Amino acid sequence: MSKLSWVSAMMFGAAVGSAITMVVDPVDDKRRKKLHKNVGVMAKTVTGVLDAVMDMKR
């Protein structure tokens, strides 16, 4: 298994785990808004890291 596929599998697992946790443990509106903001920041960071990894592979 290459490092890129391992990283992709870890990101996918984290996303699926987060989704399951949110379904099982619902949150109030204030926490949901804060979580939504943090997820947006995290998504931008992860996207930046994945872009950097893809550029290093080229």
Protein backbone atom coordinates (compact mmCIF):
# COMPACT_ATOMS: atom_id res chain seq x y z
CA MET A 1 0.00 0.00 0.00
CA SER A 2 1.50 3.34 -0.98
CA LYS A 3 1.75 6.24 1.44
CA LEU A 4 -0.76 8.28 -0.54
CA SER A 5 -3.42 5.59 -0.38
CA TRP A 6 -2.72 5.14 3.33
CA VAL A 7 -3.19 8.87 3.95
CA SER A 8 -6.36 8.84 1.88
CA ALA A 9 -7.69 5.87 3.86
CA MET A 10 -6.94 7.65 7.14
CA MET A 11 -8.74 10.82 5.97
CA PHE A 12 -11.72 8.78 4.80
CA GLY A 13 -11.85 6.91 8.10
CA ALA A 14 -11.73 10.15 10.06
CA ALA A 15 -14.56 11.62 7.98
CA VAL A 16 -16.73 8.52 8.36
CA GLY A 17 -16.01 8.35 12.09
CA SER A 18 -16.94 12.00 12.53
CA ALA A 19 -20.18 11.53 10.62
CA ILE A 20 -21.16 8.50 12.70
CA THR A 21 -20.35 10.35 15.92
CA MET A 22 -22.50 13.32 14.87
CA VAL A 23 -25.44 11.03 14.06
CA VAL A 24 -25.16 9.06 17.30
CA ASP A 25 -24.52 12.10 19.54
CA PRO A 26 -26.62 15.06 18.34
CA VAL A 27 -25.48 18.51 19.47
CA ASP A 28 -27.28 21.75 20.26
CA ASP A 29 -27.35 24.69 17.83
CA LYS A 30 -24.48 26.63 19.41
CA ARG A 31 -22.11 23.66 19.33
CA ARG A 32 -23.28 22.73 15.80
CA LYS A 33 -22.38 26.21 14.48
CA LYS A 34 -18.97 26.09 16.16
CA LEU A 35 -18.35 22.58 14.83
CA HIS A 36 -19.40 23.63 11.33
CA LYS A 37 -16.92 26.53 11.41
CA ASN A 38 -14.11 24.27 12.67
CA VAL A 39 -14.86 21.61 10.07
CA GLY A 40 -14.57 24.25 7.34
CA VAL A 41 -11.14 25.29 8.60
CA MET A 42 -10.06 21.66 8.93
CA ALA A 43 -11.28 20.87 5.40
CA LYS A 44 -9.20 23.74 3.99
CA THR A 45 -6.14 22.50 5.90
CA VAL A 46 -6.60 18.90 4.76
CA THR A 47 -7.11 20.03 1.17
CA GLY A 48 -3.91 22.06 1.36
CA VAL A 49 -1.96 19.12 2.73
CA LEU A 50 -3.32 16.75 0.08
CA ASP A 51 -2.45 19.25 -2.67
CA ALA A 52 1.09 19.50 -1.32
CA VAL A 53 1.42 15.71 -1.20
CA MET A 54 0.14 15.40 -4.78
CA ASP A 55 2.61 18.06 -5.94
CA MET A 56 5.48 16.21 -4.24
CA LYS A 57 4.53 13.03 -6.11
CA ARG A 58 4.93 14.77 -9.47
